[in-house]
Amino acid sequence: MEAPKTMEHKIGGIQKDALRFELQGVKSDLVGAHPLESALESAKLTQEQINRKILGYTYGSAFPLKMDSLLDSRGLPNQFLLLGLEVMTRRLDNFGFEDYLNDPPGI
């Protein structure tokens, strides 16, 4: 059973408990990501779309669909499928903190 996120207060009715359920700030609601972060994310999405088109032209239209089915599978049984997935998505050349900590990404 999940605990409620609000608590009834004797004087003011329902009041949020900021110390238990995180502090809410106005700035965090108004300010988005850094402009370079959003530009990097959009460039990454554009590059993925270009790579999908190239793979579709090179190997046929079934290959990107097969990649989607592999990316959507949540229950990957072993590390060999993760290696194949990294090869197909071209993430094998990037060395991130997951590789340093030997922590496979949650796909």
C-alpha atoms as a PDB file:
ATOM      1  CA  MET A   1       0.000   0.000   0.000  1.00  0.00           C
ATOM      2  CA  GLU A   2       1.411   3.359  -1.009  1.00  0.00           C
ATOM      3  CA  ALA A   3       1.588   6.192   1.505  1.00  0.00           C
ATOM      4  CA  PRO A   4      -0.372   9.318   0.571  1.00  0.00           C
ATOM      5  CA  LYS A   5       1.619  12.317  -0.632  1.00  0.00           C
ATOM      6  CA  THR A   6      -0.451  14.790   1.387  1.00  0.00           C
ATOM      7  CA  MET A   7      -1.292  14.916   5.068  1.00  0.00           C
ATOM      8  CA  GLU A   8      -4.301  16.423   6.775  1.00  0.00           C
ATOM      9  CA  HIS A   9      -3.370  19.297   9.037  1.00  0.00           C
ATOM     10  CA  LYS A  10      -5.468  20.157  12.061  1.00  0.00           C
ATOM     11  CA  ILE A  11      -5.648  23.892  11.355  1.00  0.00           C
ATOM     12  CA  GLY A  12      -5.242  24.412   7.626  1.00  0.00           C
ATOM     13  CA  GLY A  13      -6.763  21.270   6.121  1.00  0.00           C
ATOM     14  CA  ILE A  14      -4.519  19.409   3.647  1.00  0.00           C
ATOM     15  CA  GLN A  15      -0.935  20.623   3.651  1.00  0.00           C
ATOM     16  CA  LYS A  16       2.098  19.280   1.792  1.00  0.00           C
ATOM     17  CA  ASP A  17       4.936  18.012   3.935  1.00  0.00           C
ATOM     18  CA  ALA A  18       8.013  19.465   2.230  1.00  0.00           C
ATOM     19  CA  LEU A  19      10.570  17.651   4.367  1.00  0.00           C
ATOM     20  CA  ARG A  20       9.133  14.219   3.606  1.00  0.00           C
ATOM     21  CA  PHE A  21       8.067  14.573  -0.029  1.00  0.00           C
ATOM     22  CA  GLU A  22      10.752  16.901  -1.540  1.00  0.00           C
ATOM     23  CA  LEU A  23      10.967  20.649  -1.663  1.00  0.00           C
ATOM     24  CA  GLN A  24       9.048  22.400  -4.415  1.00  0.00           C
ATOM     25  CA  GLY A  25      10.596  25.484  -5.931  1.00  0.00           C
ATOM     26  CA  VAL A  26       9.192  27.992  -8.365  1.00  0.00           C
ATOM     27  CA  LYS A  27      12.468  28.244 -10.254  1.00  0.00           C
ATOM     28  CA  SER A  28      12.630  24.511 -10.915  1.00  0.00           C
ATOM     29  CA  ASP A  29       9.141  24.639 -12.426  1.00  0.00           C
ATOM     30  CA  LEU A  30       9.866  27.648 -14.643  1.00  0.00           C
ATOM     31  CA  VAL A  31      13.434  27.077 -15.819  1.00  0.00           C
ATOM     32  CA  GLY A  32      13.972  24.294 -18.316  1.00  0.00           C
ATOM     33  CA  ALA A  33      17.169  22.576 -19.279  1.00  0.00           C
ATOM     34  CA  HIS A  34      20.318  24.445 -20.222  1.00  0.00           C
ATOM     35  CA  PRO A  35      20.292  25.568 -23.882  1.00  0.00           C
ATOM     36  CA  LEU A  36      23.320  23.418 -24.685  1.00  0.00           C
ATOM     37  CA  GLU A  37      21.616  20.386 -23.147  1.00  0.00           C
ATOM     38  CA  SER A  38      18.555  20.835 -25.313  1.00  0.00           C
ATOM     39  CA  ALA A  39      20.713  21.437 -28.408  1.00  0.00           C
ATOM     40  CA  LEU A  40      22.734  18.285 -27.662  1.00  0.00           C
ATOM     41  CA  GLU A  41      19.563  16.247 -27.179  1.00  0.00           C
ATOM     42  CA  SER A  42      18.020  17.499 -30.426  1.00  0.00           C
ATOM     43  CA  ALA A  43      21.270  16.824 -32.319  1.00  0.00           C
ATOM     44  CA  LYS A  44      21.353  13.324 -30.851  1.00  0.00           C
ATOM     45  CA  LEU A  45      17.760  12.655 -31.965  1.00  0.00           C
ATOM     46  CA  THR A  46      18.481  14.023 -35.439  1.00  0.00           C
ATOM     47  CA  GLN A  47      21.575  11.816 -35.745  1.00  0.00           C
ATOM     48  CA  GLU A  48      19.567   8.756 -34.653  1.00  0.00           C
ATOM     49  CA  GLN A  49      16.924   9.509 -37.304  1.00  0.00           C
ATOM     50  CA  ILE A  50      19.600   9.884 -39.983  1.00  0.00           C
ATOM     51  CA  ASN A  51      21.236   6.614 -38.913  1.00  0.00           C
ATOM     52  CA  ARG A  52      17.870   4.833 -39.046  1.00  0.00           C
ATOM     53  CA  LYS A  53      17.267   6.103 -42.584  1.00  0.00           C
ATOM     54  CA  ILE A  54      20.743   5.005 -43.677  1.00  0.00           C
ATOM     55  CA  LEU A  55      20.213   1.553 -42.144  1.00  0.00           C
ATOM     56  CA  GLY A  56      16.844   1.329 -43.874  1.00  0.00           C
ATOM     57  CA  TYR A  57      18.338   2.225 -47.245  1.00  0.00           C
ATOM     58  CA  THR A  58      21.311  -0.109 -46.784  1.00  0.00           C
ATOM     59  CA  TYR A  59      19.786  -3.226 -45.221  1.00  0.00           C
ATOM     60  CA  GLY A  60      16.133  -2.830 -46.136  1.00  0.00           C
ATOM     61  CA  SER A  61      13.156  -1.512 -44.233  1.00  0.00           C
ATOM     62  CA  ALA A  62      12.929  -4.561 -41.958  1.00  0.00           C
ATOM     63  CA  PHE A  63      16.229  -3.852 -40.195  1.00  0.00           C
ATOM     64  CA  PRO A  64      15.120  -0.670 -38.365  1.00  0.00           C
ATOM     65  CA  LEU A  65      11.922  -2.474 -37.356  1.00  0.00           C
ATOM     66  CA  LYS A  66      14.006  -5.327 -35.958  1.00  0.00           C
ATOM     67  CA  MET A  67      16.072  -2.781 -34.037  1.00  0.00           C
ATOM     68  CA  ASP A  68      12.889  -1.309 -32.578  1.00  0.00           C
ATOM     69  CA  SER A  69      11.753  -4.726 -31.429  1.00  0.00           C
ATOM     70  CA  LEU A  70      15.117  -5.286 -29.723  1.00  0.00           C
ATOM     71  CA  LEU A  71      15.043  -1.846 -28.108  1.00  0.00           C
ATOM     72  CA  ASP A  72      11.509  -2.365 -26.817  1.00  0.00           C
ATOM     73  CA  SER A  73      12.256  -5.705 -25.199  1.00  0.00           C
ATOM     74  CA  ARG A  74      12.574  -5.084 -21.471  1.00  0.00           C
ATOM     75  CA  GLY A  75      13.612  -8.523 -20.257  1.00  0.00           C
ATOM     76  CA  LEU A  76      17.090  -8.936 -21.685  1.00  0.00           C
ATOM     77  CA  PRO A  77      18.386 -12.256 -20.306  1.00  0.00           C
ATOM     78  CA  ASN A  78      22.152 -11.894 -20.666  1.00  0.00           C
ATOM     79  CA  GLN A  79      25.020  -9.541 -21.383  1.00  0.00           C
ATOM     80  CA  PHE A  80      25.487 -10.758 -24.969  1.00  0.00           C
ATOM     81  CA  LEU A  81      22.232  -9.127 -26.044  1.00  0.00           C
ATOM     82  CA  LEU A  82      23.345  -5.882 -24.412  1.00  0.00           C
ATOM     83  CA  LEU A  83      26.587  -6.021 -26.393  1.00  0.00           C
ATOM     84  CA  GLY A  84      24.662  -6.595 -29.617  1.00  0.00           C
ATOM     85  CA  LEU A  85      22.332  -3.739 -28.757  1.00  0.00           C
ATOM     86  CA  GLU A  86      25.284  -1.419 -28.151  1.00  0.00           C
ATOM     87  CA  VAL A  87      26.764  -2.422 -31.506  1.00  0.00           C
ATOM     88  CA  MET A  88      23.478  -1.789 -33.329  1.00  0.00           C
ATOM     89  CA  THR A  89      22.904   1.606 -31.687  1.00  0.00           C
ATOM     90  CA  ARG A  90      26.578   2.623 -32.113  1.00  0.00           C
ATOM     91  CA  ARG A  91      27.035   3.215 -28.384  1.00  0.00           C
ATOM     92  CA  LEU A  92      29.992   0.826 -28.251  1.00  0.00           C
ATOM     93  CA  ASP A  93      32.526   3.613 -28.902  1.00  0.00           C
ATOM     94  CA  ASN A  94      31.222   5.833 -26.095  1.00  0.00           C
ATOM     95  CA  PHE A  95      32.810   5.255 -22.688  1.00  0.00           C
ATOM     96  CA  GLY A  96      30.455   6.389 -19.949  1.00  0.00           C
ATOM     97  CA  PHE A  97      30.186   6.025 -16.206  1.00  0.00           C
ATOM     98  CA  GLU A  98      28.177   2.812 -16.703  1.00  0.00           C
ATOM     99  CA  ASP A  99      31.235   1.203 -18.269  1.00  0.00           C
ATOM    100  CA  TYR A 100      33.550   2.423 -15.526  1.00  0.00           C
ATOM    101  CA  LEU A 101      31.250   1.157 -12.769  1.00  0.00           C
ATOM    102  CA  ASN A 102      30.394  -2.061 -14.673  1.00  0.00           C
ATOM    103  CA  ASP A 103      26.730  -1.125 -14.386  1.00  0.00           C
ATOM    104  CA  PRO A 104      24.759  -2.016 -17.537  1.00  0.00           C
ATOM    105  CA  PRO A 105      22.185   0.592 -18.536  1.00  0.00           C
ATOM    106  CA  GLY A 106      18.552  -0.114 -17.735  1.00  0.00           C
ATOM    107  CA  ILE A 107      17.076  -0.561 -21.173  1.00  0.00           C
END
